[in-house]
């Protein structure tokens, strides 16, 4: 069986930046399982995995343009702590969801000082070239329900459907 649209694919991977620093990995956890062709992973990754079989090793370098976008300085903004009801809980590294005119986005608090806090609304991997080292672990047919919903189902998937 090969990777193609509507296949459920399990992969192990190591993700490093350009400097070789490991950013993410499935090394000490279960493989990443996704529905191929449903935009559940980066499009460039899907493109590179297309047609591969079980045990295939794939190395992919993804530019910021094909990854999480360029880093945009305007997406870093400061606000007065007084605007928050629980300002005493504001700490560097805390992430939260903001509703913007473009839809929901994640923000990370990057600085707290002088009665203000700074949030960065860029994706944490924005502006970075991503180097994936991937091993295909398993490929199976997607169920009708998985195809209809556009994501995999299983124990603890948290999608709200009964399985």
N, C-alpha and C. Protein backbone atom coordinates (compact mmCIF):
# COMPACT_ATOMS: atom_id res chain seq x y z
N UNK A 1 0.85 -1.18 0.00
CA UNK A 1 0.00 0.00 0.00
C UNK A 1 0.90 1.24 0.00
N UNK A 2 0.46 2.26 -0.73
CA UNK A 2 1.24 3.51 -0.77
C UNK A 2 0.41 4.67 -0.23
N UNK A 3 1.10 5.74 0.10
CA UNK A 3 0.44 6.94 0.62
C UNK A 3 -0.23 7.67 -0.54
N UNK A 4 -1.54 7.86 -0.39
CA UNK A 4 -2.33 8.62 -1.35
C UNK A 4 -3.56 9.15 -0.63
N UNK A 5 -4.34 9.98 -1.34
CA UNK A 5 -5.52 10.59 -0.74
C UNK A 5 -6.40 9.55 -0.05
N UNK A 6 -6.91 9.92 1.12
CA UNK A 6 -7.81 9.10 1.93
C UNK A 6 -7.17 7.86 2.54
N UNK A 7 -5.85 7.88 2.69
CA UNK A 7 -5.16 6.84 3.46
C UNK A 7 -4.82 7.43 4.82
N UNK A 8 -4.91 6.60 5.85
CA UNK A 8 -4.49 7.01 7.18
C UNK A 8 -3.03 6.59 7.31
N UNK A 9 -2.18 7.58 7.59
CA UNK A 9 -0.74 7.37 7.59
C UNK A 9 -0.18 7.61 8.99
N UNK A 10 0.69 6.70 9.44
CA UNK A 10 1.39 6.85 10.71
C UNK A 10 2.86 7.10 10.40
N UNK A 11 3.40 8.17 10.99
CA UNK A 11 4.81 8.49 10.75
C UNK A 11 5.51 8.79 12.08
N UNK A 12 6.78 8.44 12.13
CA UNK A 12 7.67 8.92 13.17
C UNK A 12 8.52 9.99 12.52
N UNK A 13 8.85 11.03 13.28
CA UNK A 13 9.64 12.10 12.70
C UNK A 13 10.50 12.79 13.74
N UNK A 14 11.53 13.45 13.24
CA UNK A 14 12.33 14.38 14.02
C UNK A 14 12.32 15.67 13.22
N UNK A 15 12.01 16.77 13.88
CA UNK A 15 11.99 18.09 13.24
C UNK A 15 13.10 18.93 13.84
N UNK A 16 13.98 19.44 12.98
CA UNK A 16 15.08 20.31 13.41
C UNK A 16 15.04 21.62 12.65
N UNK A 17 15.60 22.67 13.26
CA UNK A 17 15.73 23.94 12.55
C UNK A 17 17.01 23.91 11.72
N UNK A 18 17.34 25.03 11.09
CA UNK A 18 18.52 25.11 10.22
C UNK A 18 19.82 24.86 10.99
N UNK A 19 19.84 25.22 12.27
CA UNK A 19 21.04 25.04 13.09
C UNK A 19 21.17 23.61 13.61
N UNK A 20 20.19 22.76 13.32
CA UNK A 20 20.24 21.37 13.77
C UNK A 20 19.62 21.15 15.14
N UNK A 21 19.04 22.19 15.73
CA UNK A 21 18.38 22.07 17.03
C UNK A 21 17.05 21.33 16.86
N UNK A 22 16.85 20.28 17.65
CA UNK A 22 15.60 19.52 17.57
C UNK A 22 14.45 20.34 18.14
N UNK A 23 13.40 20.51 17.33
CA UNK A 23 12.23 21.29 17.73
C UNK A 23 11.07 20.41 18.17
N UNK A 24 10.99 19.22 17.59
CA UNK A 24 9.88 18.31 17.90
C UNK A 24 10.27 16.92 17.43
N UNK A 25 9.63 15.91 18.03
CA UNK A 25 9.95 14.54 17.68
C UNK A 25 8.87 13.61 18.22
N UNK A 26 8.72 12.48 17.56
CA UNK A 26 7.82 11.44 18.08
C UNK A 26 8.62 10.37 18.81
N UNK A 27 9.89 10.64 19.08
CA UNK A 27 10.79 9.63 19.65
C UNK A 27 10.25 8.95 20.91
N UNK A 28 9.68 9.70 21.84
CA UNK A 28 9.22 9.12 23.10
C UNK A 28 7.70 9.12 23.21
N UNK A 29 7.03 9.06 22.06
CA UNK A 29 5.57 9.05 22.06
C UNK A 29 5.09 8.22 20.87
N UNK A 30 3.77 8.10 20.74
CA UNK A 30 3.21 7.35 19.62
C UNK A 30 3.48 8.11 18.32
N UNK A 31 3.48 7.39 17.19
CA UNK A 31 3.65 8.06 15.90
C UNK A 31 2.54 9.08 15.66
N UNK A 32 2.82 10.04 14.79
CA UNK A 32 1.81 10.99 14.34
C UNK A 32 0.95 10.26 13.32
N UNK A 33 -0.38 10.31 13.49
CA UNK A 33 -1.31 9.65 12.58
C UNK A 33 -2.19 10.74 11.96
N UNK A 34 -2.27 10.72 10.62
CA UNK A 34 -3.05 11.76 9.95
C UNK A 34 -3.77 11.18 8.72
N UNK A 35 -4.77 11.90 8.25
CA UNK A 35 -5.51 11.53 7.05
C UNK A 35 -4.87 12.25 5.87
N UNK A 36 -4.27 11.50 4.96
CA UNK A 36 -3.56 12.09 3.83
C UNK A 36 -4.55 12.74 2.85
N UNK A 37 -4.21 13.94 2.42
CA UNK A 37 -5.04 14.67 1.47
C UNK A 37 -6.10 15.54 2.11
N UNK A 38 -6.11 15.61 3.44
CA UNK A 38 -7.15 16.38 4.16
C UNK A 38 -6.56 17.63 4.82
N UNK A 39 -5.35 18.03 4.42
CA UNK A 39 -4.70 19.23 4.96
C UNK A 39 -4.49 19.16 6.47
N UNK A 40 -4.22 17.95 6.99
CA UNK A 40 -3.97 17.79 8.42
C UNK A 40 -2.51 18.05 8.78
N UNK A 41 -1.63 18.04 7.77
CA UNK A 41 -0.22 18.37 7.98
C UNK A 41 0.16 19.40 6.90
N UNK A 42 1.37 19.93 6.98
CA UNK A 42 1.81 20.92 6.00
C UNK A 42 1.68 20.36 4.58
N UNK A 43 1.14 21.14 3.65
CA UNK A 43 0.97 20.67 2.27
C UNK A 43 2.27 20.15 1.65
N UNK A 44 3.39 20.80 1.91
CA UNK A 44 4.67 20.37 1.35
C UNK A 44 5.05 18.98 1.88
N UNK A 45 4.73 18.70 3.16
CA UNK A 45 4.99 17.36 3.71
C UNK A 45 4.13 16.31 3.00
N UNK A 46 2.84 16.63 2.81
CA UNK A 46 1.96 15.69 2.10
C UNK A 46 2.52 15.41 0.71
N UNK A 47 2.94 16.46 0.03
CA UNK A 47 3.48 16.32 -1.32
C UNK A 47 4.69 15.38 -1.34
N UNK A 48 5.59 15.53 -0.36
CA UNK A 48 6.80 14.71 -0.31
C UNK A 48 6.51 13.27 0.10
N UNK A 49 5.44 13.04 0.87
CA UNK A 49 5.10 11.69 1.32
C UNK A 49 4.25 10.92 0.31
N UNK A 50 3.60 11.64 -0.59
CA UNK A 50 2.74 11.03 -1.61
C UNK A 50 3.51 9.92 -2.35
N UNK A 51 2.88 8.74 -2.45
CA UNK A 51 3.46 7.63 -3.21
C UNK A 51 4.46 6.78 -2.45
N UNK A 52 4.79 7.16 -1.22
CA UNK A 52 5.75 6.38 -0.43
C UNK A 52 5.05 5.20 0.24
N UNK A 53 5.83 4.19 0.61
CA UNK A 53 5.29 3.00 1.26
C UNK A 53 5.78 2.89 2.70
N UNK A 54 5.30 1.85 3.40
CA UNK A 54 5.73 1.59 4.77
C UNK A 54 7.24 1.38 4.80
N UNK A 55 7.88 1.89 5.82
CA UNK A 55 9.32 1.85 6.07
C UNK A 55 10.12 2.84 5.22
N UNK A 56 9.43 3.62 4.38
CA UNK A 56 10.14 4.64 3.60
C UNK A 56 10.72 5.69 4.54
N UNK A 57 11.91 6.18 4.21
CA UNK A 57 12.54 7.28 4.95
C UNK A 57 12.51 8.49 4.04
N UNK A 58 12.04 9.59 4.57
CA UNK A 58 11.92 10.81 3.77
C UNK A 58 12.55 11.95 4.55
N UNK A 59 13.43 12.68 3.89
CA UNK A 59 14.00 13.90 4.47
C UNK A 59 13.47 15.07 3.66
N UNK A 60 12.88 16.04 4.37
CA UNK A 60 12.24 17.16 3.70
C UNK A 60 12.72 18.46 4.35
N UNK A 61 13.15 19.41 3.51
CA UNK A 61 13.49 20.75 3.98
C UNK A 61 12.37 21.67 3.52
N UNK A 62 11.76 22.37 4.47
CA UNK A 62 10.62 23.23 4.17
C UNK A 62 10.97 24.68 4.51
N UNK A 63 10.84 25.54 3.52
CA UNK A 63 11.11 26.96 3.72
C UNK A 63 9.98 27.59 4.54
N UNK A 64 10.23 28.76 5.14
CA UNK A 64 9.15 29.42 5.88
C UNK A 64 7.89 29.62 5.02
N UNK A 65 8.09 29.95 3.74
CA UNK A 65 6.96 30.18 2.83
C UNK A 65 6.07 28.93 2.74
N UNK A 66 6.68 27.75 2.71
CA UNK A 66 5.93 26.49 2.61
C UNK A 66 5.61 25.89 3.98
N UNK A 67 6.11 26.53 5.04
CA UNK A 67 5.88 26.04 6.40
C UNK A 67 4.85 26.89 7.11
N UNK A 68 5.32 27.65 8.10
CA UNK A 68 4.41 28.45 8.92
C UNK A 68 4.51 29.93 8.64
N UNK A 69 5.05 30.28 7.47
CA UNK A 69 5.11 31.67 7.04
C UNK A 69 6.32 32.41 7.57
N UNK A 70 6.53 33.58 7.01
CA UNK A 70 7.60 34.46 7.45
C UNK A 70 7.22 35.07 8.80
N UNK A 71 8.22 35.47 9.57
CA UNK A 71 7.98 36.14 10.85
C UNK A 71 7.56 37.57 10.56
N UNK A 72 6.44 38.01 11.12
CA UNK A 72 5.90 39.35 10.86
C UNK A 72 5.99 40.16 12.15
N UNK A 73 6.86 41.19 12.13
CA UNK A 73 7.08 42.02 13.32
C UNK A 73 5.80 42.67 13.83
N UNK A 74 4.89 43.03 12.93
CA UNK A 74 3.65 43.70 13.32
C UNK A 74 2.74 42.81 14.17
N UNK A 75 3.01 41.52 14.17
CA UNK A 75 2.20 40.60 14.98
C UNK A 75 2.69 40.50 16.42
N UNK A 76 3.68 41.35 16.78
CA UNK A 76 4.16 41.44 18.16
C UNK A 76 3.67 42.78 18.69
N UNK A 77 2.85 42.75 19.73
CA UNK A 77 2.25 43.97 20.26
C UNK A 77 2.26 43.97 21.78
N UNK A 78 2.29 45.18 22.35
CA UNK A 78 2.25 45.34 23.80
C UNK A 78 0.91 45.94 24.22
N UNK A 79 0.47 45.51 25.42
CA UNK A 79 -0.80 45.98 25.97
C UNK A 79 -0.62 46.22 27.46
N UNK A 80 -1.43 47.13 28.03
CA UNK A 80 -1.38 47.34 29.48
C UNK A 80 -1.94 46.13 30.23
N UNK A 81 -1.26 45.74 31.30
CA UNK A 81 -1.74 44.65 32.13
C UNK A 81 -3.13 44.95 32.68
N UNK A 82 -3.45 46.23 32.85
CA UNK A 82 -4.74 46.62 33.41
C UNK A 82 -5.91 46.18 32.54
N UNK A 83 -5.66 45.80 31.28
CA UNK A 83 -6.74 45.33 30.39
C UNK A 83 -7.16 43.89 30.71
N UNK A 84 -6.38 43.22 31.55
CA UNK A 84 -6.67 41.81 31.85
C UNK A 84 -7.29 41.66 33.22
N UNK A 85 -8.32 40.82 33.34
CA UNK A 85 -8.95 40.61 34.64
C UNK A 85 -8.06 39.85 35.63
N UNK A 86 -7.17 39.01 35.12
CA UNK A 86 -6.30 38.23 36.01
C UNK A 86 -4.83 38.51 35.67
N UNK A 87 -4.46 39.77 35.75
CA UNK A 87 -3.12 40.22 35.38
C UNK A 87 -2.03 39.54 36.22
N UNK A 88 -2.36 39.12 37.43
CA UNK A 88 -1.37 38.48 38.29
C UNK A 88 -0.95 37.10 37.75
N UNK A 89 -1.73 36.53 36.82
CA UNK A 89 -1.40 35.22 36.25
C UNK A 89 -0.64 35.33 34.92
N UNK A 90 -0.38 36.53 34.47
CA UNK A 90 0.32 36.73 33.20
C UNK A 90 1.80 36.43 33.38
N UNK A 91 2.29 35.45 32.61
CA UNK A 91 3.69 35.04 32.71
C UNK A 91 4.24 34.80 31.32
N UNK A 92 5.53 35.02 31.14
CA UNK A 92 6.20 34.76 29.87
C UNK A 92 6.05 33.28 29.52
N UNK A 93 5.70 33.01 28.26
CA UNK A 93 5.54 31.64 27.78
C UNK A 93 4.11 31.15 27.76
N UNK A 94 3.20 31.86 28.45
CA UNK A 94 1.80 31.45 28.46
C UNK A 94 1.21 31.68 27.07
N UNK A 95 0.48 30.68 26.57
CA UNK A 95 -0.18 30.79 25.28
C UNK A 95 -1.68 30.85 25.49
N UNK A 96 -2.35 31.60 24.61
CA UNK A 96 -3.80 31.69 24.68
C UNK A 96 -4.34 32.00 23.29
N UNK A 97 -5.63 31.79 23.11
CA UNK A 97 -6.26 32.03 21.82
C UNK A 97 -6.87 33.41 21.79
N UNK A 98 -6.64 34.12 20.69
CA UNK A 98 -7.25 35.44 20.47
C UNK A 98 -8.20 35.34 19.29
N UNK A 99 -9.33 36.02 19.39
CA UNK A 99 -10.24 36.10 18.25
C UNK A 99 -9.92 37.39 17.50
N UNK A 100 -9.50 37.24 16.25
CA UNK A 100 -9.12 38.38 15.41
C UNK A 100 -10.08 38.47 14.23
N UNK A 101 -10.05 39.58 13.50
CA UNK A 101 -10.89 39.69 12.29
C UNK A 101 -10.59 38.58 11.27
N UNK A 102 -9.37 38.03 11.30
CA UNK A 102 -9.00 36.94 10.39
C UNK A 102 -9.33 35.57 10.97
N UNK A 103 -9.93 35.53 12.15
CA UNK A 103 -10.27 34.27 12.79
C UNK A 103 -9.41 34.05 14.03
N UNK A 104 -9.61 32.90 14.71
CA UNK A 104 -8.85 32.64 15.93
C UNK A 104 -7.36 32.43 15.63
N UNK A 105 -6.52 32.93 16.52
CA UNK A 105 -5.08 32.75 16.39
C UNK A 105 -4.48 32.55 17.77
N UNK A 106 -3.39 31.82 17.83
CA UNK A 106 -2.70 31.61 19.10
C UNK A 106 -1.73 32.76 19.34
N UNK A 107 -1.60 33.14 20.57
CA UNK A 107 -0.66 34.20 20.96
C UNK A 107 0.17 33.69 22.13
N UNK A 108 1.42 34.14 22.17
CA UNK A 108 2.33 33.76 23.24
C UNK A 108 2.82 35.02 23.94
N UNK A 109 2.76 35.03 25.26
CA UNK A 109 3.29 36.16 26.02
C UNK A 109 4.81 36.06 26.03
N UNK A 110 5.46 37.12 25.53
CA UNK A 110 6.92 37.08 25.40
C UNK A 110 7.63 38.01 26.39
N UNK A 111 6.89 38.96 26.98
CA UNK A 111 7.52 39.88 27.92
C UNK A 111 6.46 40.45 28.86
N UNK A 112 6.81 40.61 30.13
CA UNK A 112 5.95 41.26 31.12
C UNK A 112 6.83 42.22 31.90
N UNK A 113 6.59 43.53 31.72
CA UNK A 113 7.38 44.53 32.48
C UNK A 113 6.72 45.89 32.41
N UNK A 114 6.98 46.70 33.42
CA UNK A 114 6.50 48.08 33.49
C UNK A 114 5.00 48.21 33.26
N UNK A 115 4.21 47.29 33.82
CA UNK A 115 2.75 47.38 33.71
C UNK A 115 2.20 46.98 32.35
N UNK A 116 3.05 46.43 31.50
CA UNK A 116 2.62 45.99 30.17
C UNK A 116 3.00 44.53 29.95
N UNK A 117 2.31 43.92 28.98
CA UNK A 117 2.72 42.59 28.54
C UNK A 117 2.78 42.60 27.02
N UNK A 118 3.71 41.81 26.48
CA UNK A 118 3.90 41.74 25.03
C UNK A 118 3.47 40.37 24.56
N UNK A 119 2.68 40.35 23.48
CA UNK A 119 2.23 39.09 22.90
C UNK A 119 2.75 38.98 21.47
N UNK A 120 3.10 37.76 21.11
CA UNK A 120 3.56 37.45 19.77
C UNK A 120 2.50 36.54 19.14
N UNK A 121 1.89 37.01 18.06
CA UNK A 121 0.83 36.25 17.39
C UNK A 121 1.35 35.47 16.19
N UNK A 122 2.66 35.46 15.98
CA UNK A 122 3.25 34.62 14.94
C UNK A 122 3.19 33.17 15.41
N UNK A 123 3.10 32.23 14.46
CA UNK A 123 3.21 30.82 14.82
C UNK A 123 4.60 30.63 15.43
N UNK A 124 4.76 29.78 16.45
CA UNK A 124 6.07 29.59 17.07
C UNK A 124 7.17 29.18 16.08
N UNK A 125 6.81 28.59 14.95
CA UNK A 125 7.80 28.17 13.96
C UNK A 125 7.87 29.10 12.74
N UNK A 126 7.19 30.26 12.83
CA UNK A 126 7.23 31.22 11.73
C UNK A 126 8.66 31.70 11.50
N UNK A 127 9.00 31.86 10.23
CA UNK A 127 10.32 32.37 9.87
C UNK A 127 11.43 31.34 9.90
N UNK A 128 11.11 30.11 10.25
CA UNK A 128 12.14 29.09 10.36
C UNK A 128 12.09 28.10 9.20
N UNK A 129 13.27 27.70 8.72
CA UNK A 129 13.37 26.60 7.78
C UNK A 129 13.30 25.33 8.60
N UNK A 130 12.43 24.42 8.19
CA UNK A 130 12.16 23.20 8.94
C UNK A 130 12.75 21.99 8.22
N UNK A 131 13.47 21.17 8.95
CA UNK A 131 14.07 19.96 8.41
C UNK A 131 13.44 18.75 9.08
N UNK A 132 12.66 18.01 8.30
CA UNK A 132 11.98 16.82 8.80
C UNK A 132 12.74 15.57 8.37
N UNK A 133 12.92 14.65 9.29
CA UNK A 133 13.43 13.31 9.00
C UNK A 133 12.29 12.37 9.39
N UNK A 134 11.68 11.74 8.39
CA UNK A 134 10.43 11.00 8.59
C UNK A 134 10.60 9.53 8.23
N UNK A 135 9.97 8.67 9.02
CA UNK A 135 9.86 7.25 8.69
C UNK A 135 8.38 6.89 8.65
N UNK A 136 7.94 6.31 7.54
CA UNK A 136 6.55 5.87 7.42
C UNK A 136 6.41 4.55 8.18
N UNK A 137 5.51 4.54 9.17
CA UNK A 137 5.33 3.39 10.05
C UNK A 137 4.17 2.50 9.61
N UNK A 138 3.07 3.13 9.16
CA UNK A 138 1.90 2.35 8.80
C UNK A 138 1.03 3.15 7.83
N UNK A 139 0.30 2.42 6.99
CA UNK A 139 -0.67 3.02 6.06
C UNK A 139 -1.89 2.12 6.07
N UNK A 140 -3.07 2.72 6.17
CA UNK A 140 -4.30 1.93 6.11
C UNK A 140 -5.37 2.75 5.39
N UNK A 141 -6.43 2.05 4.99
CA UNK A 141 -7.58 2.72 4.38
C UNK A 141 -8.29 3.55 5.44
N UNK A 142 -8.76 4.72 5.07
CA UNK A 142 -9.57 5.53 5.98
C UNK A 142 -10.99 4.98 6.00
N UNK A 143 -11.64 5.12 7.14
CA UNK A 143 -13.05 4.74 7.23
C UNK A 143 -13.89 5.80 6.53
N UNK A 144 -15.12 5.49 6.24
CA UNK A 144 -16.04 6.45 5.63
C UNK A 144 -16.19 7.67 6.53
N UNK A 145 -16.31 7.42 7.83
CA UNK A 145 -16.46 8.52 8.79
C UNK A 145 -15.23 9.42 8.79
N UNK A 146 -14.04 8.84 8.72
CA UNK A 146 -12.81 9.63 8.69
C UNK A 146 -12.75 10.48 7.42
N UNK A 147 -13.14 9.90 6.30
CA UNK A 147 -13.16 10.66 5.04
C UNK A 147 -14.18 11.80 5.12
N UNK A 148 -15.36 11.52 5.68
CA UNK A 148 -16.41 12.53 5.78
C UNK A 148 -16.03 13.69 6.69
N UNK A 149 -15.32 13.39 7.79
CA UNK A 149 -14.98 14.44 8.75
C UNK A 149 -13.63 15.09 8.46
N UNK A 150 -12.80 14.43 7.64
CA UNK A 150 -11.51 15.01 7.28
C UNK A 150 -10.41 14.80 8.30
N UNK A 151 -10.63 13.91 9.26
CA UNK A 151 -9.58 13.60 10.23
C UNK A 151 -9.75 12.17 10.74
N UNK A 152 -8.69 11.65 11.37
CA UNK A 152 -8.73 10.28 11.84
C UNK A 152 -9.57 10.18 13.11
N UNK A 153 -10.08 8.98 13.35
CA UNK A 153 -10.86 8.72 14.55
C UNK A 153 -10.23 7.55 15.29
N UNK A 154 -10.42 7.57 16.59
CA UNK A 154 -9.92 6.49 17.42
C UNK A 154 -10.10 6.84 18.87
N UNK A 155 -9.66 5.97 19.73
CA UNK A 155 -9.75 6.20 21.17
C UNK A 155 -9.12 7.53 21.53
N UNK A 156 -9.88 8.36 22.21
CA UNK A 156 -9.34 9.60 22.73
C UNK A 156 -9.00 10.65 21.69
N UNK A 157 -9.60 10.59 20.50
CA UNK A 157 -9.25 11.59 19.48
C UNK A 157 -9.85 12.95 19.80
N UNK A 158 -10.88 12.99 20.65
CA UNK A 158 -11.41 14.26 21.11
C UNK A 158 -12.23 15.02 20.07
N UNK A 159 -12.72 14.34 19.04
CA UNK A 159 -13.42 15.06 17.97
C UNK A 159 -14.90 15.27 18.29
N UNK A 160 -15.41 14.65 19.31
CA UNK A 160 -16.81 14.85 19.66
C UNK A 160 -17.76 13.82 19.02
N UNK A 161 -17.26 13.00 18.13
CA UNK A 161 -18.09 11.95 17.54
C UNK A 161 -18.00 10.70 18.42
N UNK A 162 -19.07 9.91 18.42
CA UNK A 162 -19.01 8.65 19.16
C UNK A 162 -18.36 7.61 18.26
N UNK A 163 -17.49 6.80 18.85
CA UNK A 163 -16.77 5.77 18.08
C UNK A 163 -17.15 4.41 18.62
